[in-house]
Amino acid sequence: IREIHHRVKNNLQTVASLLRIQGRRSKSPETLEALSDAGRRVAAIAVVHDSLSEGLAQDVNFDEVFDRIVAMVAELAAGYNAKVTNLRIGKFGRLPSEIATPLAVALTEIVANAIEHGLGDRSGLVLVNAVRNPKRLEITVSDNGVGLKDGEVGVGLGTQIVRALIEGELRGTIRWFSPRDGGTKVSISLPVG
């Protein structure tokens, strides 16, 4: 089973590399962005399979997975010439792969959106707070960026993917809002027990 996860991880990394190569050849900014987003999503899934390939259990230490994902997503900020500080408070704990994989993709999307749309070319902070009890995992992702435009959540592909994963696949809830002191806050609640 570990070997299968290792091979899946390698294949996913190859797909992500092919998307990056294709993106570099694109002359369309929209195409480049779409390929970059797709590559980032595939790479997030590869991180989970890499963690699964390291042990005998079919669950992963999601704190380690998330830290690797944040490091990967932080490369986005360099593209905007901005300094982004990512902080994680609390612990996700160990999660079964059927929760870890969709959660990794959803959080990758949320943190990337905080950097791209919330902070843009500004320096700032993305704070992730994870509170785990035996039955639920509560996560908040906050940034000190520009906040939601007109207080409304976007309807792009990233938002649709996040909603489908959190509400559909993980049977959780998700809320976006702009606090009075600015920025955007995303609140997620998932059953884990």
N, C-alpha and C. Protein backbone atom coordinates (compact mmCIF):
# COMPACT_ATOMS: atom_id res chain seq x y z
N ILE A 1 0.84 -1.20 0.00
CA ILE A 1 0.00 0.00 0.00
C ILE A 1 0.88 1.25 0.00
N ARG A 2 1.96 1.22 0.79
CA ARG A 2 2.88 2.37 0.81
C ARG A 2 3.45 2.61 -0.58
N GLU A 3 3.80 1.55 -1.28
CA GLU A 3 4.36 1.69 -2.63
C GLU A 3 3.33 2.29 -3.59
N ILE A 4 2.07 1.90 -3.43
CA ILE A 4 1.02 2.47 -4.28
C ILE A 4 0.90 3.96 -4.03
N HIS A 5 0.88 4.38 -2.76
CA HIS A 5 0.80 5.81 -2.45
C HIS A 5 2.00 6.56 -3.02
N HIS A 6 3.17 5.92 -2.94
CA HIS A 6 4.39 6.55 -3.48
C HIS A 6 4.27 6.74 -4.99
N ARG A 7 3.76 5.74 -5.67
CA ARG A 7 3.59 5.84 -7.13
C ARG A 7 2.54 6.88 -7.50
N VAL A 8 1.43 6.90 -6.75
CA VAL A 8 0.40 7.91 -7.00
C VAL A 8 0.99 9.30 -6.81
N LYS A 9 1.76 9.50 -5.72
CA LYS A 9 2.40 10.79 -5.47
C LYS A 9 3.29 11.18 -6.63
N ASN A 10 4.12 10.24 -7.11
CA ASN A 10 5.02 10.53 -8.24
C ASN A 10 4.23 10.90 -9.49
N ASN A 11 3.15 10.17 -9.76
CA ASN A 11 2.33 10.48 -10.93
C ASN A 11 1.67 11.86 -10.82
N LEU A 12 1.19 12.18 -9.62
CA LEU A 12 0.57 13.49 -9.42
C LEU A 12 1.60 14.61 -9.57
N GLN A 13 2.81 14.40 -9.08
CA GLN A 13 3.86 15.39 -9.25
C GLN A 13 4.21 15.57 -10.72
N THR A 14 4.17 14.49 -11.48
CA THR A 14 4.41 14.58 -12.92
C THR A 14 3.32 15.40 -13.59
N VAL A 15 2.07 15.16 -13.22
CA VAL A 15 0.96 15.94 -13.78
C VAL A 15 1.12 17.42 -13.44
N ALA A 16 1.46 17.73 -12.19
CA ALA A 16 1.66 19.12 -11.77
C ALA A 16 2.80 19.76 -12.59
N SER A 17 3.87 19.01 -12.82
CA SER A 17 4.99 19.53 -13.62
C SER A 17 4.56 19.79 -15.06
N LEU A 18 3.78 18.88 -15.62
CA LEU A 18 3.30 19.09 -16.99
C LEU A 18 2.42 20.33 -17.09
N LEU A 19 1.59 20.55 -16.07
CA LEU A 19 0.75 21.76 -16.06
C LEU A 19 1.61 23.02 -15.98
N ARG A 20 2.69 22.99 -15.17
CA ARG A 20 3.60 24.15 -15.09
C ARG A 20 4.29 24.40 -16.42
N ILE A 21 4.75 23.33 -17.06
CA ILE A 21 5.42 23.47 -18.36
C ILE A 21 4.46 24.07 -19.38
N GLN A 22 3.24 23.54 -19.43
CA GLN A 22 2.25 24.06 -20.36
C GLN A 22 1.94 25.53 -20.05
N GLY A 23 1.87 25.86 -18.77
CA GLY A 23 1.59 27.23 -18.38
C GLY A 23 2.67 28.20 -18.84
N ARG A 24 3.93 27.76 -18.76
CA ARG A 24 5.03 28.64 -19.20
C ARG A 24 4.98 28.91 -20.70
N ARG A 25 4.34 28.02 -21.45
CA ARG A 25 4.25 28.19 -22.90
C ARG A 25 3.03 29.03 -23.30
N SER A 26 2.17 29.29 -22.36
CA SER A 26 0.93 30.01 -22.65
C SER A 26 1.18 31.51 -22.78
N LYS A 27 0.53 32.10 -23.74
CA LYS A 27 0.61 33.55 -23.91
C LYS A 27 -0.60 34.25 -23.29
N SER A 28 -1.60 33.48 -22.89
CA SER A 28 -2.81 34.03 -22.29
C SER A 28 -2.70 34.05 -20.78
N PRO A 29 -2.84 35.21 -20.14
CA PRO A 29 -2.80 35.27 -18.67
C PRO A 29 -3.87 34.40 -18.01
N GLU A 30 -5.05 34.32 -18.62
CA GLU A 30 -6.13 33.51 -18.06
C GLU A 30 -5.77 32.03 -18.09
N THR A 31 -5.20 31.59 -19.21
CA THR A 31 -4.79 30.19 -19.33
C THR A 31 -3.68 29.88 -18.35
N LEU A 32 -2.71 30.77 -18.24
CA LEU A 32 -1.60 30.58 -17.29
C LEU A 32 -2.13 30.45 -15.87
N GLU A 33 -3.07 31.32 -15.49
CA GLU A 33 -3.64 31.27 -14.14
C GLU A 33 -4.40 29.96 -13.91
N ALA A 34 -5.19 29.53 -14.90
CA ALA A 34 -5.96 28.29 -14.77
C ALA A 34 -5.04 27.08 -14.63
N LEU A 35 -3.98 27.04 -15.42
CA LEU A 35 -3.04 25.91 -15.34
C LEU A 35 -2.27 25.94 -14.02
N SER A 36 -1.92 27.12 -13.55
CA SER A 36 -1.22 27.25 -12.28
C SER A 36 -2.11 26.79 -11.12
N ASP A 37 -3.38 27.20 -11.15
CA ASP A 37 -4.33 26.78 -10.11
C ASP A 37 -4.51 25.26 -10.13
N ALA A 38 -4.66 24.69 -11.31
CA ALA A 38 -4.83 23.24 -11.43
C ALA A 38 -3.59 22.51 -10.91
N GLY A 39 -2.41 23.02 -11.25
CA GLY A 39 -1.17 22.40 -10.78
C GLY A 39 -1.06 22.44 -9.27
N ARG A 40 -1.47 23.55 -8.66
CA ARG A 40 -1.42 23.69 -7.21
C ARG A 40 -2.38 22.70 -6.54
N ARG A 41 -3.55 22.49 -7.12
CA ARG A 41 -4.51 21.54 -6.56
C ARG A 41 -3.97 20.11 -6.64
N VAL A 42 -3.38 19.77 -7.77
CA VAL A 42 -2.81 18.43 -7.94
C VAL A 42 -1.65 18.23 -6.97
N ALA A 43 -0.81 19.24 -6.81
CA ALA A 43 0.33 19.15 -5.89
C ALA A 43 -0.13 18.95 -4.45
N ALA A 44 -1.25 19.57 -4.06
CA ALA A 44 -1.78 19.39 -2.70
C ALA A 44 -2.18 17.93 -2.46
N ILE A 45 -2.79 17.31 -3.45
CA ILE A 45 -3.17 15.90 -3.32
C ILE A 45 -1.91 15.04 -3.23
N ALA A 46 -0.88 15.40 -3.99
CA ALA A 46 0.39 14.66 -3.96
C ALA A 46 1.03 14.70 -2.57
N VAL A 47 0.90 15.82 -1.87
CA VAL A 47 1.46 15.93 -0.52
C VAL A 47 0.80 14.91 0.41
N VAL A 48 -0.50 14.73 0.30
CA VAL A 48 -1.19 13.75 1.14
C VAL A 48 -0.70 12.35 0.82
N HIS A 49 -0.59 12.01 -0.46
CA HIS A 49 -0.11 10.68 -0.83
C HIS A 49 1.34 10.46 -0.41
N ASP A 50 2.14 11.52 -0.43
CA ASP A 50 3.52 11.41 0.04
C ASP A 50 3.53 11.05 1.53
N SER A 51 2.68 11.69 2.31
CA SER A 51 2.60 11.38 3.74
C SER A 51 2.11 9.96 3.97
N LEU A 52 1.13 9.53 3.18
CA LEU A 52 0.62 8.16 3.31
C LEU A 52 1.67 7.13 2.94
N SER A 53 2.59 7.49 2.04
CA SER A 53 3.61 6.52 1.61
C SER A 53 4.70 6.32 2.66
N GLU A 54 4.72 7.19 3.68
CA GLU A 54 5.79 7.12 4.68
C GLU A 54 5.46 6.21 5.86
N GLY A 55 4.23 5.78 5.98
CA GLY A 55 3.86 4.95 7.14
C GLY A 55 2.96 3.81 6.74
N LEU A 56 2.60 3.01 7.73
CA LEU A 56 1.73 1.87 7.49
C LEU A 56 0.26 2.23 7.67
N ALA A 57 -0.02 3.31 8.38
CA ALA A 57 -1.40 3.70 8.67
C ALA A 57 -2.03 4.36 7.44
N GLN A 58 -3.36 4.33 7.40
CA GLN A 58 -4.10 5.00 6.33
C GLN A 58 -4.61 6.36 6.78
N ASP A 59 -3.89 6.94 7.74
CA ASP A 59 -4.18 8.31 8.13
C ASP A 59 -2.86 9.08 8.13
N VAL A 60 -2.98 10.40 8.18
CA VAL A 60 -1.79 11.25 8.10
C VAL A 60 -1.79 12.28 9.22
N ASN A 61 -0.59 12.72 9.58
CA ASN A 61 -0.45 13.84 10.49
C ASN A 61 -0.74 15.09 9.66
N PHE A 62 -1.95 15.62 9.79
CA PHE A 62 -2.36 16.72 8.91
C PHE A 62 -1.63 18.02 9.24
N ASP A 63 -1.08 18.15 10.43
CA ASP A 63 -0.30 19.35 10.74
C ASP A 63 0.92 19.41 9.82
N GLU A 64 1.58 18.27 9.63
CA GLU A 64 2.73 18.22 8.72
C GLU A 64 2.30 18.47 7.28
N VAL A 65 1.20 17.85 6.88
CA VAL A 65 0.68 18.05 5.51
C VAL A 65 0.38 19.52 5.29
N PHE A 66 -0.34 20.13 6.23
CA PHE A 66 -0.71 21.53 6.06
C PHE A 66 0.51 22.44 6.00
N ASP A 67 1.50 22.19 6.86
CA ASP A 67 2.71 23.02 6.83
C ASP A 67 3.41 22.93 5.48
N ARG A 68 3.42 21.76 4.87
CA ARG A 68 4.02 21.60 3.54
C ARG A 68 3.21 22.33 2.48
N ILE A 69 1.89 22.27 2.61
CA ILE A 69 1.02 22.96 1.65
C ILE A 69 1.22 24.47 1.75
N VAL A 70 1.30 24.99 2.97
CA VAL A 70 1.48 26.43 3.15
C VAL A 70 2.81 26.87 2.55
N ALA A 71 3.85 26.07 2.71
CA ALA A 71 5.15 26.41 2.12
C ALA A 71 5.03 26.46 0.59
N MET A 72 4.27 25.53 0.03
CA MET A 72 4.07 25.48 -1.41
C MET A 72 3.28 26.71 -1.89
N VAL A 73 2.22 27.03 -1.18
CA VAL A 73 1.38 28.16 -1.57
C VAL A 73 2.09 29.50 -1.34
N ALA A 74 2.99 29.55 -0.38
CA ALA A 74 3.70 30.80 -0.09
C ALA A 74 4.51 31.29 -1.28
N GLU A 75 4.84 30.39 -2.20
CA GLU A 75 5.55 30.80 -3.41
C GLU A 75 4.72 31.80 -4.21
N LEU A 76 3.39 31.76 -4.04
CA LEU A 76 2.52 32.71 -4.71
C LEU A 76 2.87 34.15 -4.35
N ALA A 77 3.12 34.37 -3.07
CA ALA A 77 3.38 35.73 -2.60
C ALA A 77 4.61 36.31 -3.30
N ALA A 78 5.61 35.47 -3.54
CA ALA A 78 6.82 35.94 -4.21
C ALA A 78 6.48 36.47 -5.61
N GLY A 79 5.50 35.83 -6.25
CA GLY A 79 5.07 36.29 -7.57
C GLY A 79 4.43 37.66 -7.54
N TYR A 80 3.92 38.05 -6.39
CA TYR A 80 3.30 39.36 -6.24
C TYR A 80 4.26 40.38 -5.62
N ASN A 81 5.50 39.96 -5.39
CA ASN A 81 6.49 40.81 -4.73
C ASN A 81 6.00 41.29 -3.38
N ALA A 82 5.33 40.42 -2.66
CA ALA A 82 4.81 40.76 -1.34
C ALA A 82 5.36 39.77 -0.32
N LYS A 83 5.46 40.21 0.92
CA LYS A 83 5.88 39.32 2.00
C LYS A 83 4.63 38.91 2.77
N VAL A 84 4.38 37.62 2.76
CA VAL A 84 3.20 37.09 3.45
C VAL A 84 3.68 36.22 4.59
N THR A 85 3.17 36.51 5.77
CA THR A 85 3.45 35.68 6.94
C THR A 85 2.28 34.73 7.14
N ASN A 86 2.59 33.43 7.16
CA ASN A 86 1.56 32.41 7.41
C ASN A 86 1.77 31.86 8.81
N LEU A 87 0.74 31.90 9.61
CA LEU A 87 0.80 31.35 10.97
C LEU A 87 -0.27 30.30 11.16
N ARG A 88 0.09 29.23 11.87
CA ARG A 88 -0.89 28.21 12.23
C ARG A 88 -0.94 28.14 13.75
N ILE A 89 -2.16 28.20 14.29
CA ILE A 89 -2.38 28.04 15.72
C ILE A 89 -3.21 26.78 15.89
N GLY A 90 -2.89 26.00 16.89
CA GLY A 90 -3.64 24.78 17.16
C GLY A 90 -3.16 23.62 16.32
N LYS A 91 -3.86 22.51 16.44
CA LYS A 91 -3.46 21.28 15.75
C LYS A 91 -4.65 20.64 15.05
N PHE A 92 -4.38 20.18 13.84
CA PHE A 92 -5.37 19.41 13.09
C PHE A 92 -5.41 17.96 13.59
N GLY A 93 -4.23 17.44 13.95
CA GLY A 93 -4.12 16.05 14.39
C GLY A 93 -4.06 15.09 13.21
N ARG A 94 -4.21 13.83 13.51
CA ARG A 94 -4.18 12.79 12.48
C ARG A 94 -5.57 12.70 11.85
N LEU A 95 -5.58 12.60 10.53
CA LEU A 95 -6.84 12.50 9.80
C LEU A 95 -6.76 11.34 8.82
N PRO A 96 -7.87 10.61 8.64
CA PRO A 96 -7.88 9.56 7.62
C PRO A 96 -7.75 10.18 6.23
N SER A 97 -7.20 9.42 5.31
CA SER A 97 -6.94 9.94 3.96
C SER A 97 -8.20 10.45 3.28
N GLU A 98 -9.36 9.83 3.58
CA GLU A 98 -10.59 10.28 2.92
C GLU A 98 -11.03 11.67 3.40
N ILE A 99 -10.52 12.13 4.53
CA ILE A 99 -10.74 13.51 4.97
C ILE A 99 -9.56 14.38 4.57
N ALA A 100 -8.35 13.86 4.73
CA ALA A 100 -7.14 14.65 4.49
C ALA A 100 -7.03 15.15 3.05
N THR A 101 -7.36 14.31 2.08
CA THR A 101 -7.18 14.71 0.68
C THR A 101 -8.10 15.87 0.29
N PRO A 102 -9.43 15.76 0.48
CA PRO A 102 -10.26 16.91 0.11
C PRO A 102 -9.98 18.15 0.97
N LEU A 103 -9.64 17.95 2.25
CA LEU A 103 -9.34 19.10 3.10
C LEU A 103 -8.07 19.80 2.64
N ALA A 104 -7.07 19.02 2.21
CA ALA A 104 -5.83 19.62 1.71
C ALA A 104 -6.10 20.49 0.49
N VAL A 105 -6.92 20.00 -0.43
CA VAL A 105 -7.23 20.78 -1.63
C VAL A 105 -8.02 22.04 -1.25
N ALA A 106 -9.02 21.89 -0.37
CA ALA A 106 -9.83 23.05 0.03
C ALA A 106 -8.99 24.11 0.73
N LEU A 107 -8.14 23.71 1.67
CA LEU A 107 -7.31 24.69 2.38
C LEU A 107 -6.27 25.32 1.47
N THR A 108 -5.74 24.54 0.53
CA THR A 108 -4.82 25.12 -0.45
C THR A 108 -5.51 26.24 -1.20
N GLU A 109 -6.74 26.00 -1.61
CA GLU A 109 -7.51 26.99 -2.36
C GLU A 109 -7.80 28.22 -1.50
N ILE A 110 -8.19 28.01 -0.26
CA ILE A 110 -8.54 29.13 0.63
C ILE A 110 -7.31 29.99 0.93
N VAL A 111 -6.19 29.36 1.26
CA VAL A 111 -4.97 30.12 1.56
C VAL A 111 -4.47 30.84 0.30
N ALA A 112 -4.53 30.17 -0.86
CA ALA A 112 -4.12 30.81 -2.11
C ALA A 112 -5.00 32.03 -2.40
N ASN A 113 -6.31 31.90 -2.18
CA ASN A 113 -7.21 33.03 -2.39
C ASN A 113 -6.91 34.18 -1.43
N ALA A 114 -6.57 33.84 -0.19
CA ALA A 114 -6.21 34.90 0.78
C ALA A 114 -5.00 35.67 0.29
N ILE A 115 -4.03 34.96 -0.28
CA ILE A 115 -2.82 35.63 -0.78
C ILE A 115 -3.12 36.39 -2.07
N GLU A 116 -3.75 35.73 -3.02
CA GLU A 116 -3.99 36.34 -4.34
C GLU A 116 -4.99 37.49 -4.29
N HIS A 117 -6.15 37.23 -3.68
CA HIS A 117 -7.23 38.21 -3.74
C HIS A 117 -7.31 39.09 -2.50
N GLY A 118 -6.98 38.52 -1.34
CA GLY A 118 -7.05 39.31 -0.11
C GLY A 118 -5.88 40.27 0.02
N LEU A 119 -4.67 39.72 -0.18
CA LEU A 119 -3.47 40.55 0.00
C LEU A 119 -2.96 41.11 -1.32
N GLY A 120 -3.05 40.34 -2.39
CA GLY A 120 -2.56 40.81 -3.69
C GLY A 120 -1.10 41.18 -3.62
N ASP A 121 -0.78 42.41 -3.98
CA ASP A 121 0.62 42.84 -3.97
C ASP A 121 1.01 43.51 -2.65
N ARG A 122 0.14 43.40 -1.64
CA ARG A 122 0.44 43.95 -0.32
C ARG A 122 1.07 42.87 0.55
N SER A 123 1.91 43.28 1.46
CA SER A 123 2.40 42.34 2.46
C SER A 123 1.33 42.18 3.53
N GLY A 124 1.29 41.03 4.16
CA GLY A 124 0.25 40.82 5.16
C GLY A 124 0.36 39.49 5.87
N LEU A 125 -0.71 39.13 6.53
CA LEU A 125 -0.75 37.95 7.39
C LEU A 125 -1.91 37.04 6.99
N VAL A 126 -1.62 35.74 6.95
CA VAL A 126 -2.66 34.72 6.81
C VAL A 126 -2.56 33.84 8.04
N LEU A 127 -3.62 33.81 8.84
CA LEU A 127 -3.64 33.09 10.10
C LEU A 127 -4.61 31.92 10.00
N VAL A 128 -4.14 30.73 10.33
CA VAL A 128 -4.98 29.54 10.32
C VAL A 128 -5.06 29.01 11.75
N ASN A 129 -6.28 28.85 12.22
CA ASN A 129 -6.51 28.35 13.58
C ASN A 129 -7.28 27.04 13.48
N ALA A 130 -6.71 25.97 14.03
CA ALA A 130 -7.36 24.66 14.02
C ALA A 130 -7.65 24.22 15.45
N VAL A 131 -8.91 23.89 15.71
CA VAL A 131 -9.32 23.41 17.03
C VAL A 131 -9.98 22.04 16.81
N ARG A 132 -9.41 21.03 17.44
CA ARG A 132 -9.87 19.66 17.23
C ARG A 132 -10.41 19.08 18.52
N ASN A 133 -11.57 18.46 18.42
CA ASN A 133 -12.06 17.64 19.54
C ASN A 133 -12.39 16.28 18.96
N PRO A 134 -12.80 15.31 19.75
CA PRO A 134 -13.01 13.95 19.21
C PRO A 134 -14.02 13.87 18.07
N LYS A 135 -14.98 14.78 18.02
CA LYS A 135 -16.03 14.67 17.00
C LYS A 135 -15.94 15.71 15.88
N ARG A 136 -15.30 16.86 16.13
CA ARG A 136 -15.30 17.94 15.14
C ARG A 136 -13.93 18.58 15.01
N LEU A 137 -13.73 19.17 13.83
CA LEU A 137 -12.55 19.98 13.55
C LEU A 137 -13.06 21.35 13.12
N GLU A 138 -12.67 22.38 13.89
CA GLU A 138 -13.07 23.75 13.58
C GLU A 138 -11.83 24.48 13.06
N ILE A 139 -11.96 25.10 11.90
CA ILE A 139 -10.83 25.78 11.27
C ILE A 139 -11.27 27.18 10.88
N THR A 140 -10.41 28.16 11.17
CA THR A 140 -10.63 29.50 10.64
C THR A 140 -9.38 29.92 9.89
N VAL A 141 -9.58 30.55 8.75
CA VAL A 141 -8.49 31.11 7.96
C VAL A 141 -8.80 32.60 7.83
N SER A 142 -7.90 33.44 8.35
CA SER A 142 -8.11 34.88 8.35
C SER A 142 -6.94 35.57 7.65
N ASP A 143 -7.25 36.66 6.97
CA ASP A 143 -6.18 37.49 6.41
C ASP A 143 -6.48 38.95 6.76
N ASN A 144 -5.47 39.78 6.65
CA ASN A 144 -5.67 41.21 6.92
C ASN A 144 -5.62 42.00 5.62
N GLY A 145 -6.21 41.42 4.58
CA GLY A 145 -6.24 42.05 3.27
C GLY A 145 -7.42 42.98 3.09
N VAL A 146 -7.87 43.08 1.84
CA VAL A 146 -8.88 44.06 1.47
C VAL A 146 -10.30 43.65 1.84
N GLY A 147 -10.53 42.41 2.21
CA GLY A 147 -11.88 41.96 2.56
C GLY A 147 -12.67 41.56 1.33
N LEU A 148 -13.87 41.09 1.56
CA LEU A 148 -14.74 40.66 0.46
C LEU A 148 -15.31 41.86 -0.26
N LYS A 149 -15.27 41.81 -1.58
CA LYS A 149 -15.82 42.91 -2.38
C LYS A 149 -17.33 42.96 -2.18
N ASP A 150 -17.80 44.09 -1.75
CA ASP A 150 -19.23 44.30 -1.46
C ASP A 150 -19.77 43.27 -0.45
N GLY A 151 -18.89 42.70 0.38
CA GLY A 151 -19.29 41.72 1.38
C GLY A 151 -19.74 40.39 0.82
N GLU A 152 -19.52 40.18 -0.48
CA GLU A 152 -20.00 38.96 -1.14
C GLU A 152 -18.85 38.02 -1.47
N VAL A 153 -19.12 36.73 -1.34
CA VAL A 153 -18.15 35.69 -1.71
C VAL A 153 -18.15 35.56 -3.22
N GLY A 154 -16.96 35.38 -3.81
CA GLY A 154 -16.86 35.19 -5.24
C GLY A 154 -17.56 33.91 -5.69
N VAL A 155 -17.80 33.81 -6.98
CA VAL A 155 -18.49 32.63 -7.53
C VAL A 155 -17.58 31.88 -8.50
N GLY A 156 -16.28 32.11 -8.42
CA GLY A 156 -15.35 31.47 -9.33
C GLY A 156 -15.19 29.98 -9.07
N LEU A 157 -14.38 29.36 -9.91
CA LEU A 157 -14.15 27.93 -9.82
C LEU A 157 -13.58 27.53 -8.46
N GLY A 158 -12.64 28.32 -7.92
CA GLY A 158 -12.04 28.00 -6.63
C GLY A 158 -13.07 27.92 -5.53
N THR A 159 -13.99 28.88 -5.48
CA THR A 159 -15.04 28.88 -4.47
C THR A 159 -15.96 27.69 -4.66
N GLN A 160 -16.28 27.36 -5.90
CA GLN A 160 -17.13 26.20 -6.18
C GLN A 160 -16.46 24.91 -5.72
N ILE A 161 -15.16 24.79 -5.96
CA ILE A 161 -14.42 23.60 -5.54
C ILE A 161 -14.43 23.49 -4.02
N VAL A 162 -14.14 24.60 -3.34
CA VAL A 162 -14.11 24.59 -1.87
C VAL A 162 -15.46 24.19 -1.31
N ARG A 163 -16.53 24.79 -1.81
CA ARG A 163 -17.88 24.44 -1.33
C ARG A 163 -18.19 22.96 -1.57
N ALA A 164 -17.88 22.46 -2.76
CA ALA A 164 -18.16 21.06 -3.08
C ALA A 164 -17.39 20.12 -2.14
N LEU A 165 -16.15 20.45 -1.86
CA LEU A 165 -15.34 19.59 -0.99
C LEU A 165 -15.80 19.66 0.47
N ILE A 166 -15.97 20.87 0.99
CA ILE A 166 -16.31 21.03 2.41
C ILE A 166 -17.75 20.59 2.68
N GLU A 167 -18.69 21.12 1.91
CA GLU A 167 -20.10 20.83 2.18
C GLU A 167 -20.55 19.48 1.62
N GLY A 168 -20.03 19.12 0.46
CA GLY A 168 -20.45 17.87 -0.17
C GLY A 168 -19.67 16.68 0.34
N GLU A 169 -18.42 16.63 -0.03
CA GLU A 169 -17.61 15.45 0.28
C GLU A 169 -17.35 15.27 1.77
N LEU A 170 -17.09 16.37 2.51
CA LEU A 170 -16.74 16.28 3.93
C LEU A 170 -17.92 16.50 4.87
N ARG A 171 -19.10 16.80 4.32
CA ARG A 171 -20.32 17.00 5.12
C ARG A 171 -20.15 18.07 6.20
N GLY A 172 -19.39 19.10 5.88
CA GLY A 172 -19.14 20.17 6.83
C GLY A 172 -19.87 21.44 6.45
N THR A 173 -19.52 22.51 7.15
CA THR A 173 -20.08 23.83 6.83
C THR A 173 -18.94 24.81 6.61
N ILE A 174 -19.22 25.82 5.82
CA ILE A 174 -18.22 26.86 5.55
C ILE A 174 -18.93 28.20 5.43
N ARG A 175 -18.29 29.23 6.00
CA ARG A 175 -18.81 30.61 5.94
C ARG A 175 -17.67 31.55 5.65
N TRP A 176 -17.93 32.53 4.79
CA TRP A 176 -16.97 33.60 4.51
C TRP A 176 -17.57 34.89 5.06
N PHE A 177 -16.76 35.74 5.67
CA PHE A 177 -17.24 37.05 6.06
C PHE A 177 -16.06 38.01 6.22
N SER A 178 -16.38 39.29 6.22
CA SER A 178 -15.37 40.33 6.44
C SER A 178 -15.59 40.93 7.82
N PRO A 179 -14.65 40.70 8.75
CA PRO A 179 -14.78 41.30 10.07
C PRO A 179 -14.73 42.83 10.00
N ARG A 180 -15.23 43.47 11.03
CA ARG A 180 -15.25 44.93 11.06
C ARG A 180 -13.86 45.54 10.97
N ASP A 181 -12.85 44.84 11.53
CA ASP A 181 -11.50 45.39 11.49
C ASP A 181 -10.77 45.11 10.18
N GLY A 182 -11.48 44.56 9.18
CA GLY A 182 -10.91 44.36 7.86
C GLY A 182 -10.52 42.93 7.58
N GLY A 183 -10.12 42.70 6.35
CA GLY A 183 -9.70 41.38 5.93
C GLY A 183 -10.87 40.46 5.65
N THR A 184 -10.54 39.18 5.52
CA THR A 184 -11.55 38.15 5.26
C THR A 184 -11.32 37.01 6.23
N LYS A 185 -12.41 36.41 6.66
CA LYS A 185 -12.33 35.26 7.56
C LYS A 185 -13.19 34.14 6.97
N VAL A 186 -12.62 32.94 6.93
CA VAL A 186 -13.33 31.76 6.47
C VAL A 186 -13.43 30.81 7.65
N SER A 187 -14.64 30.38 7.96
CA SER A 187 -14.89 29.49 9.09
C SER A 187 -15.39 28.15 8.59
N ILE A 188 -14.70 27.08 8.98
CA ILE A 188 -15.05 25.73 8.53
C ILE A 188 -15.29 24.85 9.75
N SER A 189 -16.31 24.02 9.68
CA SER A 189 -16.59 23.04 10.73
C SER A 189 -16.83 21.70 10.07
N LEU A 190 -16.06 20.67 10.52
CA LEU A 190 -16.14 19.34 9.90
C LEU A 190 -16.34 18.25 10.94
N PRO A 191 -17.18 17.27 10.63
CA PRO A 191 -17.22 16.10 11.51
C PRO A 191 -16.00 15.23 11.26
N VAL A 192 -15.33 14.77 12.33
CA VAL A 192 -14.14 13.93 12.17
C VAL A 192 -14.21 12.67 13.02
N GLY A 193 -15.25 12.52 13.82
CA GLY A 193 -15.33 11.37 14.70
C GLY A 193 -16.53 10.52 14.49
